[in-house]
Amino acid sequence: MNKTVESYLPFFNFLGTIVGGNTEVVLHDFTDPSRSVVAIHNGYISGRHVGAPATDFALKMINSDIPDDQSHTDIYMSHNANGKPLRSSTMFIREEGRLVGMLCVNTDPSIIVQLKTLVDTIVETLPPGVEQSVDTVQPSSVVGEHLTTSVDDLVGKTVAEFAASHGKAVADLSAQERQDLVRVLDGDGVFLLKGAVTVVAQFLDISEPSVYRYLQKIRRR
């Protein structure tokens, strides 16, 4: 484990002792993005475990120039592998200015929504200022993240969304559209993950050399 990331383990353990059962705490080490989850508390929230890959959001952060004075994100919406909405926030872990990991907190707000629904059935009028349901409160920053459990899930989600946006089945995508899809995946940092080329080739039903050729064309521009 990266030594800087490892130094966050006491804080990770502290958070794990104070959060409730509806909150997941995750420590990422980007030494190997395909196995970035090195510690996780309440992993049933997202269905992940130690050894799970970096998320789409994490890969974008690795590929981004995050301002040096930005230590964390605001609260943003994410979704687990089953599509369940979560509220998330992330702390960036840097080493000499380089992003080497992240500490993430993901909360399932459904129990709060259920509690408010119950209260609403008992109390007919609410005090001023609490009329807005917790499930409609907008996060301060709309980022979006999918807490996928494997490289296959991450690639599959992007491939399915791309094909749907073109109104086609994946098998019907043209050569140019496949190249455009590879460009999207490359821009999202997917190819930082070990085995991603193989997975992409399988989803597109093309050879691995074809994926590499697409990447060469894209990166030459």
C-alpha atoms as a PDB file:
ATOM      1  CA  MET A   1       0.000   0.000   0.000  1.00  0.00           C
ATOM      2  CA  ASN A   2       1.182   3.534  -0.758  1.00  0.00           C
ATOM      3  CA  LYS A   3       2.684   4.950   2.455  1.00  0.00           C
ATOM      4  CA  THR A   4       0.742   8.204   2.255  1.00  0.00           C
ATOM      5  CA  VAL A   5      -2.529   6.324   1.754  1.00  0.00           C
ATOM      6  CA  GLU A   6      -1.590   3.979   4.593  1.00  0.00           C
ATOM      7  CA  SER A   7      -1.213   6.965   6.918  1.00  0.00           C
ATOM      8  CA  TYR A   8      -4.960   7.591   6.494  1.00  0.00           C
ATOM      9  CA  LEU A   9      -5.893   4.183   7.937  1.00  0.00           C
ATOM     10  CA  PRO A  10      -6.284   5.519  11.517  1.00  0.00           C
ATOM     11  CA  PHE A  11      -8.683   8.200  10.250  1.00  0.00           C
ATOM     12  CA  PHE A  12     -10.509   5.574   8.163  1.00  0.00           C
ATOM     13  CA  ASN A  13     -10.888   3.377  11.252  1.00  0.00           C
ATOM     14  CA  PHE A  14     -12.080   6.363  13.289  1.00  0.00           C
ATOM     15  CA  LEU A  15     -14.780   7.170  10.736  1.00  0.00           C
ATOM     16  CA  GLY A  16     -15.818   3.519  10.730  1.00  0.00           C
ATOM     17  CA  THR A  17     -16.520   3.671  14.464  1.00  0.00           C
ATOM     18  CA  ILE A  18     -18.725   6.763  14.335  1.00  0.00           C
ATOM     19  CA  VAL A  19     -20.834   6.330  11.188  1.00  0.00           C
ATOM     20  CA  GLY A  20     -24.097   4.430  11.248  1.00  0.00           C
ATOM     21  CA  GLY A  21     -25.032   1.291   9.394  1.00  0.00           C
ATOM     22  CA  ASN A  22     -26.282   3.306   6.425  1.00  0.00           C
ATOM     23  CA  THR A  23     -22.889   4.859   5.668  1.00  0.00           C
ATOM     24  CA  GLU A  24     -19.972   3.330   3.789  1.00  0.00           C
ATOM     25  CA  VAL A  25     -16.378   4.498   4.214  1.00  0.00           C
ATOM     26  CA  VAL A  26     -13.868   3.612   1.483  1.00  0.00           C
ATOM     27  CA  LEU A  27     -10.109   4.106   1.221  1.00  0.00           C
ATOM     28  CA  HIS A  28      -8.640   4.065  -2.306  1.00  0.00           C
ATOM     29  CA  ASP A  29      -4.993   3.556  -3.282  1.00  0.00           C
ATOM     30  CA  PHE A  30      -4.329   4.457  -6.934  1.00  0.00           C
ATOM     31  CA  THR A  31      -1.082   2.489  -7.198  1.00  0.00           C
ATOM     32  CA  ASP A  32      -3.217  -0.024  -9.119  1.00  0.00           C
ATOM     33  CA  PRO A  33      -6.561   1.579 -10.112  1.00  0.00           C
ATOM     34  CA  SER A  34      -7.942  -1.830 -11.108  1.00  0.00           C
ATOM     35  CA  ARG A  35      -7.737  -2.833  -7.404  1.00  0.00           C
ATOM     36  CA  SER A  36      -7.908   0.574  -5.751  1.00  0.00           C
ATOM     37  CA  VAL A  37     -10.157  -0.255  -2.778  1.00  0.00           C
ATOM     38  CA  VAL A  38      -7.735  -1.138   0.032  1.00  0.00           C
ATOM     39  CA  ALA A  39     -10.111  -0.729   2.991  1.00  0.00           C
ATOM     40  CA  ILE A  40     -13.896  -0.532   3.223  1.00  0.00           C
ATOM     41  CA  HIS A  41     -16.445  -0.266   6.042  1.00  0.00           C
ATOM     42  CA  ASN A  42     -20.086  -1.248   5.456  1.00  0.00           C
ATOM     43  CA  GLY A  43     -19.292  -2.407   1.942  1.00  0.00           C
ATOM     44  CA  TYR A  44     -22.807  -3.792   1.572  1.00  0.00           C
ATOM     45  CA  ILE A  45     -23.935  -0.233   0.806  1.00  0.00           C
ATOM     46  CA  SER A  46     -22.293  -0.393  -2.630  1.00  0.00           C
ATOM     47  CA  GLY A  47     -21.704  -4.133  -2.872  1.00  0.00           C
ATOM     48  CA  ARG A  48     -17.944  -3.608  -3.073  1.00  0.00           C
ATOM     49  CA  HIS A  49     -15.085  -5.216  -1.204  1.00  0.00           C
ATOM     50  CA  VAL A  50     -11.313  -4.858  -0.863  1.00  0.00           C
ATOM     51  CA  GLY A  51      -9.794  -5.246  -4.324  1.00  0.00           C
ATOM     52  CA  ALA A  52     -12.655  -3.524  -6.191  1.00  0.00           C
ATOM     53  CA  PRO A  53     -11.597  -1.100  -8.957  1.00  0.00           C
ATOM     54  CA  ALA A  54     -11.653   2.674  -8.979  1.00  0.00           C
ATOM     55  CA  THR A  55     -15.000   4.222  -9.912  1.00  0.00           C
ATOM     56  CA  ASP A  56     -15.701   6.331 -12.984  1.00  0.00           C
ATOM     57  CA  PHE A  57     -15.446   9.454 -10.826  1.00  0.00           C
ATOM     58  CA  ALA A  58     -12.123   8.357  -9.328  1.00  0.00           C
ATOM     59  CA  LEU A  59     -10.651   7.680 -12.774  1.00  0.00           C
ATOM     60  CA  LYS A  60     -11.709  11.126 -13.954  1.00  0.00           C
ATOM     61  CA  MET A  61     -10.043  12.675 -10.906  1.00  0.00           C
ATOM     62  CA  ILE A  62      -6.810  10.809 -11.664  1.00  0.00           C
ATOM     63  CA  ASN A  63      -6.910  12.266 -15.185  1.00  0.00           C
ATOM     64  CA  SER A  64      -7.852  15.770 -14.001  1.00  0.00           C
ATOM     65  CA  ASP A  65      -5.892  18.746 -12.753  1.00  0.00           C
ATOM     66  CA  ILE A  66      -7.446  19.228  -9.333  1.00  0.00           C
ATOM     67  CA  PRO A  67      -6.598  22.632  -7.814  1.00  0.00           C
ATOM     68  CA  ASP A  68      -3.907  22.307  -5.147  1.00  0.00           C
ATOM     69  CA  ASP A  69      -6.093  24.069  -2.597  1.00  0.00           C
ATOM     70  CA  GLN A  70      -9.029  21.682  -3.113  1.00  0.00           C
ATOM     71  CA  SER A  71      -8.782  19.051  -0.389  1.00  0.00           C
ATOM     72  CA  HIS A  72     -12.218  17.504  -0.846  1.00  0.00           C
ATOM     73  CA  THR A  73     -15.465  17.599  -2.809  1.00  0.00           C
ATOM     74  CA  ASP A  74     -18.818  18.923  -1.738  1.00  0.00           C
ATOM     75  CA  ILE A  75     -21.642  16.431  -1.266  1.00  0.00           C
ATOM     76  CA  TYR A  76     -22.645  14.879  -4.602  1.00  0.00           C
ATOM     77  CA  MET A  77     -24.988  12.167  -5.829  1.00  0.00           C
ATOM     78  CA  SER A  78     -23.737   8.687  -6.633  1.00  0.00           C
ATOM     79  CA  HIS A  79     -25.364   5.310  -7.315  1.00  0.00           C
ATOM     80  CA  ASN A  80     -24.475   1.808  -6.246  1.00  0.00           C
ATOM     81  CA  ALA A  81     -24.307  -1.120  -8.667  1.00  0.00           C
ATOM     82  CA  ASN A  82     -28.076  -1.606  -8.368  1.00  0.00           C
ATOM     83  CA  GLY A  83     -28.797   2.021  -9.210  1.00  0.00           C
ATOM     84  CA  LYS A  84     -29.716   3.034  -5.662  1.00  0.00           C
ATOM     85  CA  PRO A  85     -29.002   6.742  -5.056  1.00  0.00           C
ATOM     86  CA  LEU A  86     -26.425   7.629  -2.422  1.00  0.00           C
ATOM     87  CA  ARG A  87     -24.965  10.860  -1.082  1.00  0.00           C
ATOM     88  CA  SER A  88     -21.217  11.001  -1.305  1.00  0.00           C
ATOM     89  CA  SER A  89     -18.223  13.122  -0.458  1.00  0.00           C
ATOM     90  CA  THR A  90     -14.548  12.559  -1.179  1.00  0.00           C
ATOM     91  CA  MET A  91     -11.256  13.641   0.391  1.00  0.00           C
ATOM     92  CA  PHE A  92      -8.258  13.750  -1.944  1.00  0.00           C
ATOM     93  CA  ILE A  93      -5.006  12.119  -0.812  1.00  0.00           C
ATOM     94  CA  ARG A  94      -1.935  13.665  -2.412  1.00  0.00           C
ATOM     95  CA  GLU A  95       1.764  12.941  -2.441  1.00  0.00           C
ATOM     96  CA  GLU A  96       3.931  15.848  -3.619  1.00  0.00           C
ATOM     97  CA  GLY A  97       0.914  17.280  -5.423  1.00  0.00           C
ATOM     98  CA  ARG A  98       0.035  14.018  -7.174  1.00  0.00           C
ATOM     99  CA  LEU A  99      -3.284  12.289  -6.459  1.00  0.00           C
ATOM    100  CA  VAL A 100      -2.428   8.900  -4.948  1.00  0.00           C
ATOM    101  CA  GLY A 101      -5.705   7.980  -3.277  1.00  0.00           C
ATOM    102  CA  MET A 102      -9.079   9.089  -1.958  1.00  0.00           C
ATOM    103  CA  LEU A 103     -11.120   8.657   1.205  1.00  0.00           C
ATOM    104  CA  CYS A 104     -14.812   8.449   0.348  1.00  0.00           C
ATOM    105  CA  VAL A 105     -17.996   8.471   2.415  1.00  0.00           C
ATOM    106  CA  ASN A 106     -21.226   7.195   0.821  1.00  0.00           C
ATOM    107  CA  THR A 107     -24.524   7.431   2.691  1.00  0.00           C
ATOM    108  CA  ASP A 108     -27.778   5.653   1.870  1.00  0.00           C
ATOM    109  CA  PRO A 109     -30.475   8.260   2.674  1.00  0.00           C
ATOM    110  CA  SER A 110     -33.405   5.882   2.223  1.00  0.00           C
ATOM    111  CA  ILE A 111     -33.839   5.250   5.953  1.00  0.00           C
ATOM    112  CA  ILE A 112     -34.093   9.017   6.511  1.00  0.00           C
ATOM    113  CA  VAL A 113     -36.694   9.276   3.761  1.00  0.00           C
ATOM    114  CA  GLN A 114     -38.658   6.408   5.307  1.00  0.00           C
ATOM    115  CA  LEU A 115     -38.488   8.060   8.725  1.00  0.00           C
ATOM    116  CA  LYS A 116     -39.782  11.364   7.379  1.00  0.00           C
ATOM    117  CA  THR A 117     -42.604   9.579   5.568  1.00  0.00           C
ATOM    118  CA  LEU A 118     -43.561   7.969   8.862  1.00  0.00           C
ATOM    119  CA  VAL A 119     -43.432  11.314  10.656  1.00  0.00           C
ATOM    120  CA  ASP A 120     -45.562  12.907   7.941  1.00  0.00           C
ATOM    121  CA  THR A 121     -48.276  10.314   8.531  1.00  0.00           C
ATOM    122  CA  ILE A 122     -48.324  11.190  12.221  1.00  0.00           C
ATOM    123  CA  VAL A 123     -47.853  14.935  12.139  1.00  0.00           C
ATOM    124  CA  GLU A 124     -50.163  16.775   9.767  1.00  0.00           C
ATOM    125  CA  THR A 125     -48.286  20.048   9.817  1.00  0.00           C
ATOM    126  CA  LEU A 126     -44.564  20.545   9.966  1.00  0.00           C
ATOM    127  CA  PRO A 127     -42.721  23.530  11.424  1.00  0.00           C
ATOM    128  CA  PRO A 128     -41.621  26.148   8.902  1.00  0.00           C
ATOM    129  CA  GLY A 129     -38.440  25.301   7.093  1.00  0.00           C
ATOM    130  CA  VAL A 130     -38.692  21.514   7.127  1.00  0.00           C
ATOM    131  CA  GLU A 131     -41.253  21.069   4.381  1.00  0.00           C
ATOM    132  CA  GLN A 132     -38.704  19.966   1.828  1.00  0.00           C
ATOM    133  CA  SER A 133     -38.220  16.209   1.816  1.00  0.00           C
ATOM    134  CA  VAL A 134     -34.696  14.927   2.281  1.00  0.00           C
ATOM    135  CA  ASP A 135     -35.025  12.997  -0.951  1.00  0.00           C
ATOM    136  CA  THR A 136     -35.559  16.208  -2.919  1.00  0.00           C
ATOM    137  CA  VAL A 137     -32.804  18.318  -1.380  1.00  0.00           C
ATOM    138  CA  GLN A 138     -30.285  19.065  -4.079  1.00  0.00           C
ATOM    139  CA  PRO A 139     -26.626  18.310  -3.349  1.00  0.00           C
ATOM    140  CA  SER A 140     -24.349  21.331  -3.331  1.00  0.00           C
ATOM    141  CA  SER A 141     -22.379  19.889  -6.236  1.00  0.00           C
ATOM    142  CA  VAL A 142     -23.782  17.587  -8.887  1.00  0.00           C
ATOM    143  CA  VAL A 143     -20.890  15.324  -9.812  1.00  0.00           C
ATOM    144  CA  GLY A 144     -22.332  11.865 -10.308  1.00  0.00           C
ATOM    145  CA  GLU A 145     -20.559   8.609  -9.615  1.00  0.00           C
ATOM    146  CA  HIS A 146     -21.345   4.945 -10.154  1.00  0.00           C
ATOM    147  CA  LEU A 147     -19.957   2.638  -7.477  1.00  0.00           C
ATOM    148  CA  THR A 148     -19.287  -0.284  -9.780  1.00  0.00           C
ATOM    149  CA  THR A 149     -17.889  -3.513  -8.389  1.00  0.00           C
ATOM    150  CA  SER A 150     -15.675  -4.595 -11.303  1.00  0.00           C
ATOM    151  CA  VAL A 151     -14.019  -3.453 -14.518  1.00  0.00           C
ATOM    152  CA  ASP A 152     -16.732  -5.325 -16.434  1.00  0.00           C
ATOM    153  CA  ASP A 153     -19.464  -3.332 -14.677  1.00  0.00           C
ATOM    154  CA  LEU A 154     -17.734  -0.020 -15.310  1.00  0.00           C
ATOM    155  CA  VAL A 155     -17.120  -0.692 -19.008  1.00  0.00           C
ATOM    156  CA  GLY A 156     -20.553  -2.247 -19.474  1.00  0.00           C
ATOM    157  CA  LYS A 157     -22.298   0.818 -18.047  1.00  0.00           C
ATOM    158  CA  THR A 158     -20.464   3.194 -20.363  1.00  0.00           C
ATOM    159  CA  VAL A 159     -20.943   0.973 -23.424  1.00  0.00           C
ATOM    160  CA  ALA A 160     -24.673   0.596 -22.736  1.00  0.00           C
ATOM    161  CA  GLU A 161     -25.145   4.343 -22.217  1.00  0.00           C
ATOM    162  CA  PHE A 162     -23.216   5.158 -25.409  1.00  0.00           C
ATOM    163  CA  ALA A 163     -25.218   2.686 -27.507  1.00  0.00           C
ATOM    164  CA  ALA A 164     -28.507   3.932 -26.035  1.00  0.00           C
ATOM    165  CA  SER A 165     -27.577   7.541 -26.813  1.00  0.00           C
ATOM    166  CA  HIS A 166     -27.148   6.491 -30.462  1.00  0.00           C
ATOM    167  CA  GLY A 167     -30.385   4.505 -30.480  1.00  0.00           C
ATOM    168  CA  LYS A 168     -28.572   1.302 -31.389  1.00  0.00           C
ATOM    169  CA  ALA A 169     -27.635  -2.058 -29.988  1.00  0.00           C
ATOM    170  CA  VAL A 170     -23.913  -2.406 -29.272  1.00  0.00           C
ATOM    171  CA  ALA A 171     -23.578  -4.945 -32.100  1.00  0.00           C
ATOM    172  CA  ASP A 172     -24.949  -2.369 -34.579  1.00  0.00           C
ATOM    173  CA  LEU A 173     -22.406   0.362 -33.829  1.00  0.00           C
ATOM    174  CA  SER A 174     -20.362   1.399 -36.854  1.00  0.00           C
ATOM    175  CA  ALA A 175     -16.565   1.363 -36.885  1.00  0.00           C
ATOM    176  CA  GLN A 176     -16.522   5.147 -36.402  1.00  0.00           C
ATOM    177  CA  GLU A 177     -18.968   4.905 -33.505  1.00  0.00           C
ATOM    178  CA  ARG A 178     -16.842   2.217 -31.881  1.00  0.00           C
ATOM    179  CA  GLN A 179     -13.826   4.472 -32.199  1.00  0.00           C
ATOM    180  CA  ASP A 180     -15.839   7.319 -30.663  1.00  0.00           C
ATOM    181  CA  LEU A 181     -16.810   5.002 -27.804  1.00  0.00           C
ATOM    182  CA  VAL A 182     -13.170   4.066 -27.214  1.00  0.00           C
ATOM    183  CA  ARG A 183     -12.398   7.806 -27.145  1.00  0.00           C
ATOM    184  CA  VAL A 184     -15.026   8.286 -24.421  1.00  0.00           C
ATOM    185  CA  LEU A 185     -13.628   5.377 -22.413  1.00  0.00           C
ATOM    186  CA  ASP A 186     -10.087   6.706 -22.797  1.00  0.00           C
ATOM    187  CA  GLY A 187     -11.168  10.179 -21.713  1.00  0.00           C
ATOM    188  CA  ASP A 188     -12.818   8.658 -18.648  1.00  0.00           C
ATOM    189  CA  GLY A 189      -9.568   6.954 -17.681  1.00  0.00           C
ATOM    190  CA  VAL A 190     -10.934   3.436 -18.138  1.00  0.00           C
ATOM    191  CA  PHE A 191      -7.732   2.196 -19.758  1.00  0.00           C
ATOM    192  CA  LEU A 192      -5.837   2.942 -16.547  1.00  0.00           C
ATOM    193  CA  LEU A 193      -7.411  -0.274 -15.258  1.00  0.00           C
ATOM    194  CA  LYS A 194      -5.612  -3.543 -15.848  1.00  0.00           C
ATOM    195  CA  GLY A 195      -7.514  -5.776 -18.240  1.00  0.00           C
ATOM    196  CA  ALA A 196      -9.660  -2.929 -19.574  1.00  0.00           C
ATOM    197  CA  VAL A 197      -8.593  -3.493 -23.197  1.00  0.00           C
ATOM    198  CA  THR A 198      -9.699  -7.131 -22.990  1.00  0.00           C
ATOM    199  CA  VAL A 199     -13.042  -6.197 -21.435  1.00  0.00           C
ATOM    200  CA  VAL A 200     -13.719  -3.462 -24.012  1.00  0.00           C
ATOM    201  CA  ALA A 201     -12.862  -5.853 -26.858  1.00  0.00           C
ATOM    202  CA  GLN A 202     -15.318  -8.399 -25.468  1.00  0.00           C
ATOM    203  CA  PHE A 203     -18.142  -5.882 -25.124  1.00  0.00           C
ATOM    204  CA  LEU A 204     -17.606  -4.551 -28.662  1.00  0.00           C
ATOM    205  CA  ASP A 205     -16.996  -8.027 -30.088  1.00  0.00           C
ATOM    206  CA  ILE A 206     -13.734  -6.934 -31.672  1.00  0.00           C
ATOM    207  CA  SER A 207     -10.124  -8.028 -31.220  1.00  0.00           C
ATOM    208  CA  GLU A 208      -7.782  -6.505 -28.663  1.00  0.00           C
ATOM    209  CA  PRO A 209      -5.469  -5.271 -31.475  1.00  0.00           C
ATOM    210  CA  SER A 210      -8.471  -3.362 -32.860  1.00  0.00           C
ATOM    211  CA  VAL A 211      -8.900  -1.592 -29.522  1.00  0.00           C
ATOM    212  CA  TYR A 212      -5.199  -0.705 -29.498  1.00  0.00           C
ATOM    213  CA  ARG A 213      -5.467   0.635 -33.067  1.00  0.00           C
ATOM    214  CA  TYR A 214      -8.387   2.844 -32.045  1.00  0.00           C
ATOM    215  CA  LEU A 215      -6.345   4.129 -29.097  1.00  0.00           C
ATOM    216  CA  GLN A 216      -3.359   4.893 -31.334  1.00  0.00           C
ATOM    217  CA  LYS A 217      -5.542   6.909 -33.724  1.00  0.00           C
ATOM    218  CA  ILE A 218      -7.190   8.792 -30.862  1.00  0.00           C
ATOM    219  CA  ARG A 219      -3.980   9.615 -29.009  1.00  0.00           C
ATOM    220  CA  ARG A 220      -2.159  10.781 -32.141  1.00  0.00           C
ATOM    221  CA  ARG A 221      -4.604  13.646 -32.523  1.00  0.00           C
END
